[in-house]
Amino acid sequence: MFTGSKSTGGFCVTRKGLLEPSKLGHILYDNPGLIDYSAPQGEFIKYKGCSYAWVEISSDGKIVLTEEMMGNNNYYNKHDIQLSC
């Protein structure tokens, strides 16, 4: 998952299999902790103006965004956006 642009805000969710072969695949190669899952789950990594993190998808297809994840994301803090987890 990664944060959206300053103008659109929000965030995007994708999977490694789609991101890796795309024009944005360099994000994974430039941040090895994302491509090999060695970065802690849910920990945002800043790269070229956006923040990127990986999270597991539950067996029933859910992604859990913790308060800590939202609290550490400067975009949401700066724009006073409240997300329920």
N, C-alpha and C. Protein backbone atom coordinates (compact mmCIF):
# COMPACT_ATOMS: atom_id res chain seq x y z
N MET A 1 0.84 -1.16 0.00
CA MET A 1 0.00 0.00 0.00
C MET A 1 0.89 1.22 0.00
N PHE A 2 0.37 2.32 -0.57
CA PHE A 2 1.15 3.55 -0.57
C PHE A 2 0.23 4.76 -0.57
N THR A 3 0.77 5.84 -0.08
CA THR A 3 -0.01 7.07 0.01
C THR A 3 -0.24 7.65 -1.37
N GLY A 4 -1.35 8.36 -1.53
CA GLY A 4 -1.67 9.02 -2.77
C GLY A 4 -0.89 10.32 -2.90
N SER A 5 -1.13 11.02 -3.98
CA SER A 5 -0.44 12.29 -4.21
C SER A 5 -0.99 13.36 -3.28
N LYS A 6 -0.29 14.49 -3.21
CA LYS A 6 -0.74 15.59 -2.37
C LYS A 6 -2.09 16.13 -2.85
N SER A 7 -2.33 16.07 -4.15
CA SER A 7 -3.60 16.61 -4.66
C SER A 7 -4.76 15.64 -4.49
N THR A 8 -4.52 14.33 -4.62
CA THR A 8 -5.61 13.36 -4.50
C THR A 8 -5.76 12.81 -3.10
N GLY A 9 -4.65 12.73 -2.37
CA GLY A 9 -4.69 12.18 -1.01
C GLY A 9 -5.01 10.71 -1.01
N GLY A 10 -5.49 10.22 0.11
CA GLY A 10 -5.87 8.81 0.22
C GLY A 10 -4.68 7.88 0.15
N PHE A 11 -4.95 6.66 -0.24
CA PHE A 11 -3.89 5.68 -0.41
C PHE A 11 -4.31 4.67 -1.47
N CYS A 12 -3.34 3.92 -1.95
CA CYS A 12 -3.57 2.90 -2.98
C CYS A 12 -3.17 1.55 -2.41
N VAL A 13 -3.87 0.53 -2.84
CA VAL A 13 -3.55 -0.84 -2.44
C VAL A 13 -3.32 -1.64 -3.71
N THR A 14 -2.23 -2.35 -3.75
CA THR A 14 -1.92 -3.21 -4.89
C THR A 14 -1.22 -4.44 -4.34
N ARG A 15 -0.82 -5.32 -5.22
CA ARG A 15 -0.06 -6.49 -4.78
C ARG A 15 1.26 -6.52 -5.55
N LYS A 16 2.22 -7.17 -4.94
CA LYS A 16 3.57 -7.23 -5.50
C LYS A 16 3.57 -7.75 -6.93
N GLY A 17 2.76 -8.76 -7.21
CA GLY A 17 2.72 -9.35 -8.55
C GLY A 17 2.27 -8.38 -9.63
N LEU A 18 1.50 -7.38 -9.27
CA LEU A 18 1.08 -6.36 -10.23
C LEU A 18 2.06 -5.19 -10.27
N LEU A 19 2.59 -4.83 -9.12
CA LEU A 19 3.48 -3.67 -9.04
C LEU A 19 4.85 -3.95 -9.65
N GLU A 20 5.40 -5.12 -9.37
CA GLU A 20 6.76 -5.46 -9.80
C GLU A 20 6.99 -5.31 -11.30
N PRO A 21 6.14 -5.83 -12.19
CA PRO A 21 6.41 -5.70 -13.62
C PRO A 21 5.96 -4.36 -14.22
N SER A 22 5.33 -3.50 -13.41
CA SER A 22 4.81 -2.23 -13.93
C SER A 22 5.89 -1.15 -13.98
N LYS A 23 5.52 0.02 -14.47
CA LYS A 23 6.44 1.16 -14.51
C LYS A 23 6.81 1.63 -13.11
N LEU A 24 6.06 1.20 -12.10
CA LEU A 24 6.36 1.57 -10.72
C LEU A 24 7.17 0.50 -9.99
N GLY A 25 7.58 -0.53 -10.71
CA GLY A 25 8.34 -1.62 -10.10
C GLY A 25 9.63 -1.19 -9.44
N HIS A 26 10.19 -0.06 -9.89
CA HIS A 26 11.44 0.44 -9.30
C HIS A 26 11.27 0.74 -7.82
N ILE A 27 10.05 1.01 -7.38
CA ILE A 27 9.80 1.27 -5.96
C ILE A 27 10.24 0.06 -5.14
N LEU A 28 9.90 -1.13 -5.59
CA LEU A 28 10.28 -2.35 -4.88
C LEU A 28 11.78 -2.58 -4.93
N TYR A 29 12.39 -2.40 -6.09
CA TYR A 29 13.82 -2.67 -6.24
C TYR A 29 14.66 -1.66 -5.48
N ASP A 30 14.17 -0.43 -5.37
CA ASP A 30 14.91 0.60 -4.63
C ASP A 30 14.68 0.50 -3.13
N ASN A 31 13.74 -0.31 -2.71
CA ASN A 31 13.42 -0.51 -1.29
C ASN A 31 13.33 -2.01 -1.01
N PRO A 32 14.48 -2.67 -0.86
CA PRO A 32 14.49 -4.13 -0.73
C PRO A 32 13.62 -4.66 0.41
N GLY A 33 13.40 -3.86 1.46
CA GLY A 33 12.56 -4.31 2.56
C GLY A 33 11.12 -4.54 2.15
N LEU A 34 10.71 -3.91 1.05
CA LEU A 34 9.36 -4.12 0.53
C LEU A 34 9.30 -5.36 -0.36
N ILE A 35 10.31 -5.54 -1.19
CA ILE A 35 10.26 -6.66 -2.14
C ILE A 35 10.46 -8.01 -1.46
N ASP A 36 11.25 -8.04 -0.38
CA ASP A 36 11.48 -9.33 0.29
C ASP A 36 10.79 -9.43 1.66
N TYR A 37 9.94 -8.46 1.96
CA TYR A 37 9.15 -8.44 3.20
C TYR A 37 10.01 -8.40 4.46
N SER A 38 11.25 -7.91 4.35
CA SER A 38 12.11 -7.82 5.53
C SER A 38 11.81 -6.56 6.35
N ALA A 39 11.15 -5.57 5.75
CA ALA A 39 10.70 -4.41 6.53
C ALA A 39 9.56 -4.87 7.42
N PRO A 40 9.45 -4.30 8.62
CA PRO A 40 8.34 -4.70 9.50
C PRO A 40 6.99 -4.43 8.85
N GLN A 41 6.08 -5.37 9.01
CA GLN A 41 4.74 -5.23 8.45
C GLN A 41 4.08 -3.94 8.96
N GLY A 42 3.52 -3.17 8.04
CA GLY A 42 2.81 -1.95 8.41
C GLY A 42 3.68 -0.74 8.67
N GLU A 43 5.00 -0.89 8.56
CA GLU A 43 5.90 0.24 8.79
C GLU A 43 6.12 0.98 7.47
N PHE A 44 5.75 2.25 7.45
CA PHE A 44 5.87 3.03 6.23
C PHE A 44 7.32 3.41 5.95
N ILE A 45 7.70 3.29 4.67
CA ILE A 45 9.02 3.66 4.19
C ILE A 45 8.83 4.85 3.26
N LYS A 46 9.49 5.95 3.55
CA LYS A 46 9.38 7.14 2.69
C LYS A 46 10.29 6.97 1.48
N TYR A 47 9.74 7.31 0.31
CA TYR A 47 10.50 7.20 -0.94
C TYR A 47 9.90 8.14 -1.96
N LYS A 48 10.69 9.09 -2.40
CA LYS A 48 10.30 10.05 -3.44
C LYS A 48 8.94 10.70 -3.18
N GLY A 49 8.73 11.18 -1.97
CA GLY A 49 7.53 11.94 -1.65
C GLY A 49 6.30 11.15 -1.24
N CYS A 50 6.38 9.84 -1.28
CA CYS A 50 5.25 9.00 -0.84
C CYS A 50 5.74 8.06 0.26
N SER A 51 4.82 7.39 0.90
CA SER A 51 5.16 6.40 1.92
C SER A 51 4.60 5.05 1.48
N TYR A 52 5.40 4.01 1.67
CA TYR A 52 5.05 2.66 1.21
C TYR A 52 5.17 1.67 2.36
N ALA A 53 4.27 0.71 2.40
CA ALA A 53 4.31 -0.33 3.42
C ALA A 53 3.69 -1.60 2.84
N TRP A 54 4.00 -2.71 3.46
CA TRP A 54 3.34 -3.96 3.09
C TRP A 54 2.54 -4.45 4.28
N VAL A 55 1.42 -5.08 4.01
CA VAL A 55 0.59 -5.70 5.04
C VAL A 55 0.01 -6.99 4.48
N GLU A 56 -0.22 -7.93 5.36
CA GLU A 56 -0.83 -9.19 4.94
C GLU A 56 -2.32 -8.99 4.73
N ILE A 57 -2.86 -9.76 3.81
CA ILE A 57 -4.29 -9.80 3.59
C ILE A 57 -4.80 -11.06 4.28
N SER A 58 -5.83 -10.90 5.10
CA SER A 58 -6.35 -12.05 5.86
C SER A 58 -6.97 -13.08 4.92
N SER A 59 -7.21 -14.24 5.44
CA SER A 59 -7.77 -15.32 4.63
C SER A 59 -9.16 -14.97 4.10
N ASP A 60 -9.85 -14.03 4.77
CA ASP A 60 -11.16 -13.60 4.26
C ASP A 60 -11.08 -12.28 3.49
N GLY A 61 -9.85 -11.91 3.07
CA GLY A 61 -9.67 -10.77 2.16
C GLY A 61 -9.64 -9.39 2.80
N LYS A 62 -9.34 -9.32 4.09
CA LYS A 62 -9.33 -8.02 4.77
C LYS A 62 -7.91 -7.54 5.02
N ILE A 63 -7.76 -6.22 4.97
CA ILE A 63 -6.50 -5.56 5.32
C ILE A 63 -6.79 -4.74 6.57
N VAL A 64 -5.97 -4.92 7.59
CA VAL A 64 -6.16 -4.19 8.84
C VAL A 64 -5.18 -3.01 8.87
N LEU A 65 -5.73 -1.81 9.02
CA LEU A 65 -4.92 -0.61 9.17
C LEU A 65 -4.98 -0.22 10.64
N THR A 66 -3.88 -0.35 11.33
CA THR A 66 -3.85 -0.08 12.76
C THR A 66 -3.78 1.42 13.04
N GLU A 67 -4.13 1.80 14.25
CA GLU A 67 -4.01 3.20 14.66
C GLU A 67 -2.57 3.64 14.56
N GLU A 68 -1.64 2.75 14.90
CA GLU A 68 -0.23 3.09 14.81
C GLU A 68 0.17 3.42 13.37
N MET A 69 -0.31 2.63 12.42
CA MET A 69 -0.01 2.90 11.01
C MET A 69 -0.52 4.27 10.60
N MET A 70 -1.73 4.59 10.98
CA MET A 70 -2.31 5.88 10.62
C MET A 70 -1.66 7.02 11.38
N GLY A 71 -1.24 6.76 12.62
CA GLY A 71 -0.58 7.78 13.42
C GLY A 71 0.80 8.11 12.93
N ASN A 72 1.46 7.17 12.27
CA ASN A 72 2.81 7.40 11.77
C ASN A 72 2.82 7.94 10.35
N ASN A 73 1.66 8.12 9.76
CA ASN A 73 1.59 8.59 8.39
C ASN A 73 1.37 10.09 8.39
N ASN A 74 2.39 10.84 8.03
CA ASN A 74 2.34 12.30 8.09
C ASN A 74 1.22 12.90 7.26
N TYR A 75 0.84 12.28 6.16
CA TYR A 75 -0.23 12.83 5.32
C TYR A 75 -1.51 12.93 6.14
N TYR A 76 -1.87 11.87 6.84
CA TYR A 76 -3.11 11.86 7.59
C TYR A 76 -3.04 12.81 8.78
N ASN A 77 -1.90 12.88 9.44
CA ASN A 77 -1.75 13.81 10.55
C ASN A 77 -1.84 15.25 10.07
N LYS A 78 -1.17 15.58 9.00
CA LYS A 78 -1.13 16.94 8.47
C LYS A 78 -2.52 17.43 8.05
N HIS A 79 -3.34 16.53 7.50
CA HIS A 79 -4.66 16.91 7.00
C HIS A 79 -5.78 16.57 7.98
N ASP A 80 -5.40 16.17 9.22
CA ASP A 80 -6.35 15.89 10.28
C ASP A 80 -7.45 14.92 9.82
N ILE A 81 -7.04 13.87 9.13
CA ILE A 81 -7.98 12.86 8.65
C ILE A 81 -8.07 11.76 9.70
N GLN A 82 -9.26 11.39 10.05
CA GLN A 82 -9.50 10.33 11.02
C GLN A 82 -9.97 9.08 10.30
N LEU A 83 -9.27 7.98 10.51
CA LEU A 83 -9.68 6.71 9.95
C LEU A 83 -10.02 5.77 11.08
N SER A 84 -11.09 5.04 10.95
CA SER A 84 -11.42 4.05 11.97
C SER A 84 -10.78 2.73 11.59
N CYS A 85 -10.26 2.05 12.56
CA CYS A 85 -9.56 0.78 12.31
C CYS A 85 -10.36 -0.36 12.86
